[in-house]
Amino acid sequence: MGTVLYVEDGDTVVVQTSEGKKRVRLSGIDAPELPHKGHAGQALAINSKEVLSTILPKDQKVQLLLTGWDQAYDRYIGLVNKDGVSVNATMVGLGMAEVYHEYLNDLPAVYAKLLVKMEYLAKDKKKGIWKLPQYERPVAYRRTSQDTAQDR
């Protein structure tokens, strides 16, 4: 259990728990990248953050199931529920994030299936990122951004 302090981007939230403040990356999903380190960012990245901020406003009570630790970004990985509803799956269903297929095996099978189903429905209805004429996966964008930064 925790209380939302703020949303960092479309797939990361900071929550106050009884053990202290925790940065939590929503497991199993990947949202468009915000502008940073001289890069413009991806289409709908700001929208994705705004949608997550609307779903999880400051002081919102949430349930957390922490599933791992992301050492590279110094944050937890976890499932976030609001009033018993998966926020992770909601973001995918709204087309504000995609399923992070590379990490689906780290999740309980029932949860992974829910994410895949929500993504299928969002794609079918051309919601959010799925209505873009050219969509680049966030993981590919990060690779390109890192390569460009290293070339300088």
N, C-alpha and C. Protein backbone atom coordinates (compact mmCIF):
# COMPACT_ATOMS: atom_id res chain seq x y z
N MET A 1 0.84 -1.17 0.00
CA MET A 1 0.00 0.00 0.00
C MET A 1 0.89 1.23 0.00
N GLY A 2 0.43 2.27 -0.70
CA GLY A 2 1.20 3.49 -0.74
C GLY A 2 0.36 4.66 -1.20
N THR A 3 0.98 5.83 -1.20
CA THR A 3 0.33 7.06 -1.61
C THR A 3 1.19 7.70 -2.70
N VAL A 4 0.56 8.04 -3.81
CA VAL A 4 1.29 8.64 -4.93
C VAL A 4 1.81 10.02 -4.52
N LEU A 5 3.11 10.22 -4.79
CA LEU A 5 3.72 11.54 -4.61
C LEU A 5 3.70 12.30 -5.93
N TYR A 6 4.15 11.63 -7.01
CA TYR A 6 4.11 12.24 -8.34
C TYR A 6 4.41 11.20 -9.40
N VAL A 7 4.10 11.56 -10.63
CA VAL A 7 4.36 10.72 -11.80
C VAL A 7 5.57 11.30 -12.52
N GLU A 8 6.55 10.45 -12.84
CA GLU A 8 7.75 10.92 -13.55
C GLU A 8 7.54 10.93 -15.06
N ASP A 9 6.91 9.87 -15.57
CA ASP A 9 6.66 9.75 -17.00
C ASP A 9 5.53 8.75 -17.19
N GLY A 10 5.34 8.25 -18.39
CA GLY A 10 4.20 7.38 -18.67
C GLY A 10 4.30 5.98 -18.11
N ASP A 11 5.44 5.63 -17.51
CA ASP A 11 5.55 4.29 -16.91
C ASP A 11 6.33 4.28 -15.59
N THR A 12 6.48 5.43 -14.96
CA THR A 12 7.18 5.50 -13.68
C THR A 12 6.45 6.44 -12.74
N VAL A 13 6.25 5.97 -11.50
CA VAL A 13 5.55 6.75 -10.49
C VAL A 13 6.35 6.69 -9.19
N VAL A 14 6.27 7.74 -8.40
CA VAL A 14 6.94 7.77 -7.10
C VAL A 14 5.85 7.69 -6.03
N VAL A 15 6.03 6.71 -5.14
CA VAL A 15 5.01 6.39 -4.13
C VAL A 15 5.63 6.42 -2.74
N GLN A 16 4.91 6.99 -1.79
CA GLN A 16 5.32 6.96 -0.39
C GLN A 16 4.70 5.71 0.24
N THR A 17 5.55 4.85 0.80
CA THR A 17 5.08 3.64 1.48
C THR A 17 5.50 3.72 2.95
N SER A 18 5.09 2.74 3.72
CA SER A 18 5.48 2.71 5.13
C SER A 18 7.00 2.53 5.28
N GLU A 19 7.65 1.98 4.23
CA GLU A 19 9.11 1.81 4.25
C GLU A 19 9.86 3.00 3.66
N GLY A 20 9.15 4.00 3.17
CA GLY A 20 9.79 5.17 2.58
C GLY A 20 9.34 5.42 1.15
N LYS A 21 10.01 6.37 0.52
CA LYS A 21 9.68 6.77 -0.85
C LYS A 21 10.25 5.74 -1.82
N LYS A 22 9.42 5.34 -2.81
CA LYS A 22 9.86 4.34 -3.80
C LYS A 22 9.52 4.82 -5.21
N ARG A 23 10.55 4.80 -6.07
CA ARG A 23 10.33 5.00 -7.51
C ARG A 23 9.96 3.65 -8.09
N VAL A 24 8.84 3.60 -8.83
CA VAL A 24 8.36 2.32 -9.33
C VAL A 24 8.12 2.42 -10.83
N ARG A 25 8.83 1.58 -11.57
CA ARG A 25 8.59 1.42 -13.01
C ARG A 25 7.46 0.41 -13.15
N LEU A 26 6.40 0.75 -13.87
CA LEU A 26 5.28 -0.15 -14.06
C LEU A 26 5.75 -1.35 -14.88
N SER A 27 5.68 -2.53 -14.30
CA SER A 27 6.23 -3.71 -14.95
C SER A 27 5.39 -4.14 -16.14
N GLY A 28 6.09 -4.66 -17.14
CA GLY A 28 5.43 -5.22 -18.32
C GLY A 28 4.99 -4.22 -19.35
N ILE A 29 5.24 -2.92 -19.10
CA ILE A 29 4.82 -1.91 -20.08
C ILE A 29 5.99 -0.97 -20.38
N ASP A 30 5.87 -0.28 -21.51
CA ASP A 30 6.89 0.67 -21.94
C ASP A 30 6.18 1.84 -22.61
N ALA A 31 6.34 3.03 -22.04
CA ALA A 31 5.68 4.23 -22.56
C ALA A 31 6.65 5.05 -23.41
N PRO A 32 6.13 5.89 -24.30
CA PRO A 32 7.00 6.76 -25.11
C PRO A 32 7.92 7.60 -24.22
N GLU A 33 9.11 7.84 -24.73
CA GLU A 33 10.15 8.56 -23.99
C GLU A 33 9.95 10.07 -24.03
N LEU A 34 10.07 10.69 -22.86
CA LEU A 34 10.01 12.15 -22.75
C LEU A 34 11.31 12.76 -23.29
N PRO A 35 11.28 14.05 -23.62
CA PRO A 35 12.52 14.71 -24.03
C PRO A 35 13.55 14.66 -22.90
N HIS A 36 14.80 14.34 -23.24
CA HIS A 36 15.88 14.36 -22.27
C HIS A 36 17.23 14.25 -22.98
N LYS A 37 18.24 14.73 -22.31
CA LYS A 37 19.62 14.66 -22.80
C LYS A 37 19.76 15.13 -24.25
N GLY A 38 19.11 16.24 -24.56
CA GLY A 38 19.23 16.82 -25.90
C GLY A 38 18.38 16.16 -26.97
N HIS A 39 17.57 15.18 -26.61
CA HIS A 39 16.70 14.50 -27.57
C HIS A 39 15.28 15.02 -27.43
N ALA A 40 14.60 15.12 -28.54
CA ALA A 40 13.27 15.72 -28.56
C ALA A 40 12.21 14.90 -27.84
N GLY A 41 12.41 13.62 -27.71
CA GLY A 41 11.38 12.77 -27.12
C GLY A 41 10.47 12.21 -28.19
N GLN A 42 9.60 11.31 -27.78
CA GLN A 42 8.71 10.64 -28.73
C GLN A 42 7.32 11.24 -28.74
N ALA A 43 6.63 11.02 -29.85
CA ALA A 43 5.24 11.44 -29.96
C ALA A 43 4.43 10.80 -28.85
N LEU A 44 3.55 11.54 -28.28
CA LEU A 44 2.62 11.13 -27.22
C LEU A 44 3.28 10.88 -25.87
N ALA A 45 4.56 11.17 -25.73
CA ALA A 45 5.23 10.96 -24.44
C ALA A 45 4.63 11.86 -23.36
N ILE A 46 4.42 13.12 -23.69
CA ILE A 46 3.84 14.05 -22.71
C ILE A 46 2.40 13.64 -22.42
N ASN A 47 1.66 13.25 -23.46
CA ASN A 47 0.29 12.79 -23.25
C ASN A 47 0.25 11.58 -22.33
N SER A 48 1.17 10.66 -22.53
CA SER A 48 1.23 9.45 -21.71
C SER A 48 1.45 9.82 -20.25
N LYS A 49 2.37 10.72 -19.99
CA LYS A 49 2.62 11.17 -18.61
C LYS A 49 1.37 11.84 -18.04
N GLU A 50 0.71 12.66 -18.84
CA GLU A 50 -0.51 13.35 -18.36
C GLU A 50 -1.62 12.36 -18.04
N VAL A 51 -1.77 11.33 -18.87
CA VAL A 51 -2.80 10.32 -18.63
C VAL A 51 -2.49 9.57 -17.33
N LEU A 52 -1.24 9.17 -17.13
CA LEU A 52 -0.88 8.47 -15.90
C LEU A 52 -1.08 9.39 -14.69
N SER A 53 -0.77 10.68 -14.86
CA SER A 53 -0.98 11.65 -13.77
C SER A 53 -2.46 11.82 -13.44
N THR A 54 -3.32 11.68 -14.44
CA THR A 54 -4.76 11.75 -14.21
C THR A 54 -5.26 10.50 -13.48
N ILE A 55 -4.74 9.35 -13.89
CA ILE A 55 -5.12 8.08 -13.25
C ILE A 55 -4.58 8.03 -11.82
N LEU A 56 -3.36 8.54 -11.64
CA LEU A 56 -2.69 8.50 -10.34
C LEU A 56 -2.33 9.91 -9.86
N PRO A 57 -3.33 10.69 -9.47
CA PRO A 57 -3.01 12.04 -8.98
C PRO A 57 -2.28 11.99 -7.63
N LYS A 58 -1.68 13.09 -7.28
CA LYS A 58 -1.00 13.20 -5.98
C LYS A 58 -1.98 12.79 -4.87
N ASP A 59 -1.47 12.04 -3.92
CA ASP A 59 -2.21 11.55 -2.75
C ASP A 59 -3.16 10.39 -3.04
N GLN A 60 -3.15 9.87 -4.28
CA GLN A 60 -3.96 8.70 -4.61
C GLN A 60 -3.41 7.48 -3.87
N LYS A 61 -4.28 6.72 -3.24
CA LYS A 61 -3.88 5.47 -2.58
C LYS A 61 -3.76 4.39 -3.64
N VAL A 62 -2.68 3.61 -3.58
CA VAL A 62 -2.45 2.53 -4.54
C VAL A 62 -1.96 1.29 -3.81
N GLN A 63 -2.15 0.14 -4.49
CA GLN A 63 -1.59 -1.11 -4.01
C GLN A 63 -0.39 -1.42 -4.90
N LEU A 64 0.70 -1.81 -4.28
CA LEU A 64 1.93 -2.13 -5.01
C LEU A 64 2.29 -3.60 -4.82
N LEU A 65 2.71 -4.21 -5.90
CA LEU A 65 3.33 -5.54 -5.82
C LEU A 65 4.68 -5.38 -6.52
N LEU A 66 5.72 -5.20 -5.73
CA LEU A 66 7.05 -5.00 -6.29
C LEU A 66 7.60 -6.34 -6.77
N THR A 67 8.01 -6.37 -8.04
CA THR A 67 8.44 -7.63 -8.65
C THR A 67 9.93 -7.68 -8.95
N GLY A 68 10.62 -6.56 -8.79
CA GLY A 68 12.04 -6.56 -9.09
C GLY A 68 12.69 -5.22 -8.82
N TRP A 69 13.96 -5.15 -9.19
CA TRP A 69 14.76 -3.94 -9.01
C TRP A 69 15.48 -3.64 -10.32
N ASP A 70 15.40 -2.39 -10.76
CA ASP A 70 16.06 -1.92 -11.97
C ASP A 70 17.30 -1.15 -11.54
N GLN A 71 18.42 -1.83 -11.49
CA GLN A 71 19.66 -1.23 -11.01
C GLN A 71 20.12 -0.08 -11.89
N ALA A 72 19.92 -0.22 -13.20
CA ALA A 72 20.38 0.81 -14.14
C ALA A 72 19.71 2.16 -13.89
N TYR A 73 18.46 2.12 -13.47
CA TYR A 73 17.70 3.36 -13.26
C TYR A 73 17.35 3.60 -11.79
N ASP A 74 17.89 2.78 -10.89
CA ASP A 74 17.71 2.96 -9.46
C ASP A 74 16.23 3.08 -9.07
N ARG A 75 15.46 2.05 -9.45
CA ARG A 75 14.02 2.06 -9.14
C ARG A 75 13.51 0.63 -9.05
N TYR A 76 12.38 0.51 -8.38
CA TYR A 76 11.70 -0.78 -8.30
C TYR A 76 10.92 -1.02 -9.58
N ILE A 77 10.57 -2.27 -9.80
CA ILE A 77 9.67 -2.65 -10.89
C ILE A 77 8.47 -3.28 -10.22
N GLY A 78 7.26 -2.89 -10.65
CA GLY A 78 6.12 -3.47 -9.97
C GLY A 78 4.79 -3.26 -10.65
N LEU A 79 3.82 -3.96 -10.10
CA LEU A 79 2.44 -3.84 -10.52
C LEU A 79 1.78 -2.80 -9.62
N VAL A 80 1.03 -1.89 -10.23
CA VAL A 80 0.36 -0.84 -9.48
C VAL A 80 -1.14 -0.97 -9.72
N ASN A 81 -1.88 -1.07 -8.64
CA ASN A 81 -3.34 -1.15 -8.74
C ASN A 81 -3.96 0.05 -8.04
N LYS A 82 -5.03 0.54 -8.63
CA LYS A 82 -5.83 1.62 -8.04
C LYS A 82 -7.25 1.08 -7.91
N ASP A 83 -7.75 1.03 -6.69
CA ASP A 83 -9.10 0.51 -6.44
C ASP A 83 -9.28 -0.89 -7.05
N GLY A 84 -8.23 -1.71 -6.98
CA GLY A 84 -8.31 -3.08 -7.47
C GLY A 84 -8.15 -3.24 -8.97
N VAL A 85 -7.88 -2.16 -9.69
CA VAL A 85 -7.73 -2.20 -11.15
C VAL A 85 -6.26 -1.96 -11.50
N SER A 86 -5.73 -2.76 -12.42
CA SER A 86 -4.33 -2.64 -12.84
C SER A 86 -4.09 -1.35 -13.62
N VAL A 87 -3.26 -0.50 -13.07
CA VAL A 87 -2.88 0.74 -13.77
C VAL A 87 -2.01 0.39 -14.97
N ASN A 88 -1.15 -0.61 -14.82
CA ASN A 88 -0.27 -1.03 -15.91
C ASN A 88 -1.13 -1.41 -17.13
N ALA A 89 -2.12 -2.26 -16.92
CA ALA A 89 -2.99 -2.71 -18.02
C ALA A 89 -3.85 -1.56 -18.56
N THR A 90 -4.26 -0.66 -17.69
CA THR A 90 -5.06 0.49 -18.14
C THR A 90 -4.27 1.36 -19.11
N MET A 91 -3.00 1.60 -18.80
CA MET A 91 -2.16 2.42 -19.69
C MET A 91 -2.00 1.75 -21.06
N VAL A 92 -1.84 0.44 -21.08
CA VAL A 92 -1.74 -0.28 -22.35
C VAL A 92 -3.07 -0.22 -23.09
N GLY A 93 -4.17 -0.42 -22.39
CA GLY A 93 -5.48 -0.41 -23.01
C GLY A 93 -5.86 0.94 -23.60
N LEU A 94 -5.33 2.00 -23.04
CA LEU A 94 -5.58 3.35 -23.56
C LEU A 94 -4.65 3.72 -24.71
N GLY A 95 -3.69 2.84 -24.99
CA GLY A 95 -2.72 3.13 -26.05
C GLY A 95 -1.66 4.13 -25.62
N MET A 96 -1.48 4.31 -24.33
CA MET A 96 -0.48 5.24 -23.82
C MET A 96 0.84 4.55 -23.47
N ALA A 97 0.86 3.24 -23.63
CA ALA A 97 2.07 2.44 -23.43
C ALA A 97 1.87 1.14 -24.20
N GLU A 98 2.97 0.50 -24.51
CA GLU A 98 2.91 -0.80 -25.18
C GLU A 98 3.34 -1.87 -24.20
N VAL A 99 3.08 -3.11 -24.55
CA VAL A 99 3.57 -4.22 -23.75
C VAL A 99 5.08 -4.32 -23.96
N TYR A 100 5.81 -4.47 -22.88
CA TYR A 100 7.26 -4.64 -22.96
C TYR A 100 7.51 -6.14 -23.07
N HIS A 101 7.37 -6.64 -24.29
CA HIS A 101 7.40 -8.08 -24.55
C HIS A 101 8.67 -8.75 -24.06
N GLU A 102 9.77 -8.04 -24.06
CA GLU A 102 11.04 -8.61 -23.63
C GLU A 102 11.02 -9.05 -22.16
N TYR A 103 10.08 -8.50 -21.38
CA TYR A 103 10.03 -8.82 -19.95
C TYR A 103 8.74 -9.52 -19.53
N LEU A 104 7.93 -9.97 -20.47
CA LEU A 104 6.67 -10.63 -20.13
C LEU A 104 6.88 -11.90 -19.31
N ASN A 105 7.96 -12.62 -19.56
CA ASN A 105 8.20 -13.86 -18.82
C ASN A 105 8.49 -13.62 -17.34
N ASP A 106 8.77 -12.37 -16.97
CA ASP A 106 9.03 -12.04 -15.56
C ASP A 106 7.73 -11.87 -14.78
N LEU A 107 6.60 -11.90 -15.47
CA LEU A 107 5.31 -11.63 -14.84
C LEU A 107 4.50 -12.91 -14.68
N PRO A 108 3.55 -12.91 -13.73
CA PRO A 108 2.63 -14.05 -13.66
C PRO A 108 1.91 -14.21 -15.00
N ALA A 109 1.69 -15.44 -15.44
CA ALA A 109 1.10 -15.70 -16.75
C ALA A 109 -0.25 -15.00 -16.94
N VAL A 110 -1.08 -15.01 -15.94
CA VAL A 110 -2.40 -14.38 -16.07
C VAL A 110 -2.27 -12.88 -16.32
N TYR A 111 -1.31 -12.25 -15.68
CA TYR A 111 -1.09 -10.82 -15.86
C TYR A 111 -0.50 -10.53 -17.25
N ALA A 112 0.45 -11.35 -17.68
CA ALA A 112 1.03 -11.18 -19.01
C ALA A 112 -0.05 -11.30 -20.08
N LYS A 113 -0.95 -12.26 -19.93
CA LYS A 113 -2.05 -12.44 -20.90
C LYS A 113 -2.96 -11.23 -20.91
N LEU A 114 -3.23 -10.65 -19.75
CA LEU A 114 -4.06 -9.44 -19.67
C LEU A 114 -3.41 -8.30 -20.45
N LEU A 115 -2.12 -8.10 -20.25
CA LEU A 115 -1.42 -7.02 -20.97
C LEU A 115 -1.48 -7.23 -22.47
N VAL A 116 -1.23 -8.45 -22.93
CA VAL A 116 -1.26 -8.74 -24.37
C VAL A 116 -2.66 -8.51 -24.93
N LYS A 117 -3.68 -8.91 -24.19
CA LYS A 117 -5.06 -8.69 -24.63
C LYS A 117 -5.38 -7.20 -24.72
N MET A 118 -4.96 -6.43 -23.72
CA MET A 118 -5.22 -4.99 -23.73
C MET A 118 -4.50 -4.31 -24.90
N GLU A 119 -3.29 -4.76 -25.20
CA GLU A 119 -2.56 -4.19 -26.34
C GLU A 119 -3.27 -4.53 -27.65
N TYR A 120 -3.72 -5.76 -27.78
CA TYR A 120 -4.44 -6.17 -28.99
C TYR A 120 -5.67 -5.27 -29.20
N LEU A 121 -6.42 -5.03 -28.14
CA LEU A 121 -7.63 -4.20 -28.25
C LEU A 121 -7.29 -2.75 -28.59
N ALA A 122 -6.23 -2.22 -27.98
CA ALA A 122 -5.82 -0.84 -28.26
C ALA A 122 -5.35 -0.70 -29.71
N LYS A 123 -4.60 -1.69 -30.20
CA LYS A 123 -4.15 -1.66 -31.60
C LYS A 123 -5.35 -1.74 -32.54
N ASP A 124 -6.28 -2.64 -32.23
CA ASP A 124 -7.46 -2.84 -33.07
C ASP A 124 -8.30 -1.56 -33.17
N LYS A 125 -8.37 -0.81 -32.08
CA LYS A 125 -9.16 0.43 -32.06
C LYS A 125 -8.32 1.66 -32.38
N LYS A 126 -7.03 1.43 -32.71
CA LYS A 126 -6.10 2.50 -33.06
C LYS A 126 -6.09 3.62 -32.00
N LYS A 127 -5.89 3.20 -30.78
CA LYS A 127 -5.83 4.15 -29.66
C LYS A 127 -4.40 4.62 -29.44
N GLY A 128 -4.26 5.88 -29.07
CA GLY A 128 -2.97 6.42 -28.64
C GLY A 128 -1.84 6.17 -29.62
N ILE A 129 -0.80 5.49 -29.16
CA ILE A 129 0.39 5.25 -29.99
C ILE A 129 0.06 4.46 -31.25
N TRP A 130 -1.01 3.68 -31.21
CA TRP A 130 -1.36 2.82 -32.34
C TRP A 130 -2.06 3.57 -33.46
N LYS A 131 -2.38 4.85 -33.25
CA LYS A 131 -2.95 5.65 -34.33
C LYS A 131 -1.87 6.47 -35.05
N LEU A 132 -0.66 6.44 -34.55
CA LEU A 132 0.43 7.18 -35.18
C LEU A 132 0.80 6.55 -36.51
N PRO A 133 1.05 7.36 -37.55
CA PRO A 133 1.42 6.79 -38.85
C PRO A 133 2.75 6.04 -38.81
N GLN A 134 3.68 6.52 -38.00
CA GLN A 134 4.96 5.83 -37.83
C GLN A 134 5.27 5.78 -36.35
N TYR A 135 5.19 4.59 -35.80
CA TYR A 135 5.43 4.42 -34.37
C TYR A 135 6.75 3.69 -34.17
N GLU A 136 7.60 4.27 -33.33
CA GLU A 136 8.87 3.63 -32.98
C GLU A 136 8.78 3.16 -31.53
N ARG A 137 9.08 1.91 -31.31
CA ARG A 137 9.03 1.37 -29.95
C ARG A 137 10.00 2.15 -29.05
N PRO A 138 9.60 2.41 -27.82
CA PRO A 138 10.49 3.14 -26.90
C PRO A 138 11.87 2.49 -26.74
N VAL A 139 11.91 1.16 -26.72
CA VAL A 139 13.19 0.48 -26.57
C VAL A 139 14.10 0.78 -27.76
N ALA A 140 13.55 0.86 -28.95
CA ALA A 140 14.34 1.19 -30.15
C ALA A 140 14.77 2.66 -30.09
N TYR A 141 13.88 3.52 -29.64
CA TYR A 141 14.21 4.95 -29.51
C TYR A 141 15.36 5.14 -28.52
N ARG A 142 15.31 4.43 -27.40
CA ARG A 142 16.39 4.56 -26.40
C ARG A 142 17.72 4.10 -26.98
N ARG A 143 17.71 3.01 -27.73
CA ARG A 143 18.96 2.54 -28.37
C ARG A 143 19.51 3.58 -29.32
N THR A 144 18.66 4.14 -30.16
CA THR A 144 19.06 5.17 -31.12
C THR A 144 19.59 6.40 -30.39
N SER A 145 18.90 6.82 -29.34
CA SER A 145 19.32 8.00 -28.57
C SER A 145 20.67 7.77 -27.92
N GLN A 146 20.89 6.58 -27.36
CA GLN A 146 22.17 6.27 -26.73
C GLN A 146 23.29 6.22 -27.75
N ASP A 147 23.02 5.62 -28.91
CA ASP A 147 24.03 5.54 -29.97
C ASP A 147 24.42 6.94 -30.43
N THR A 148 23.42 7.80 -30.62
CA THR A 148 23.67 9.17 -31.06
C THR A 148 24.48 9.93 -30.03
N ALA A 149 24.11 9.76 -28.75
CA ALA A 149 24.84 10.46 -27.68
C ALA A 149 26.28 9.98 -27.60
N GLN A 150 26.51 8.68 -27.82
CA GLN A 150 27.86 8.15 -27.74
C GLN A 150 28.71 8.59 -28.92
N ASP A 151 28.07 8.88 -30.05
CA ASP A 151 28.82 9.30 -31.24
C ASP A 151 29.33 10.74 -31.12
N ARG A 152 28.80 11.50 -30.20
CA ARG A 152 29.20 12.90 -30.06
C ARG A 152 30.46 13.07 -29.30
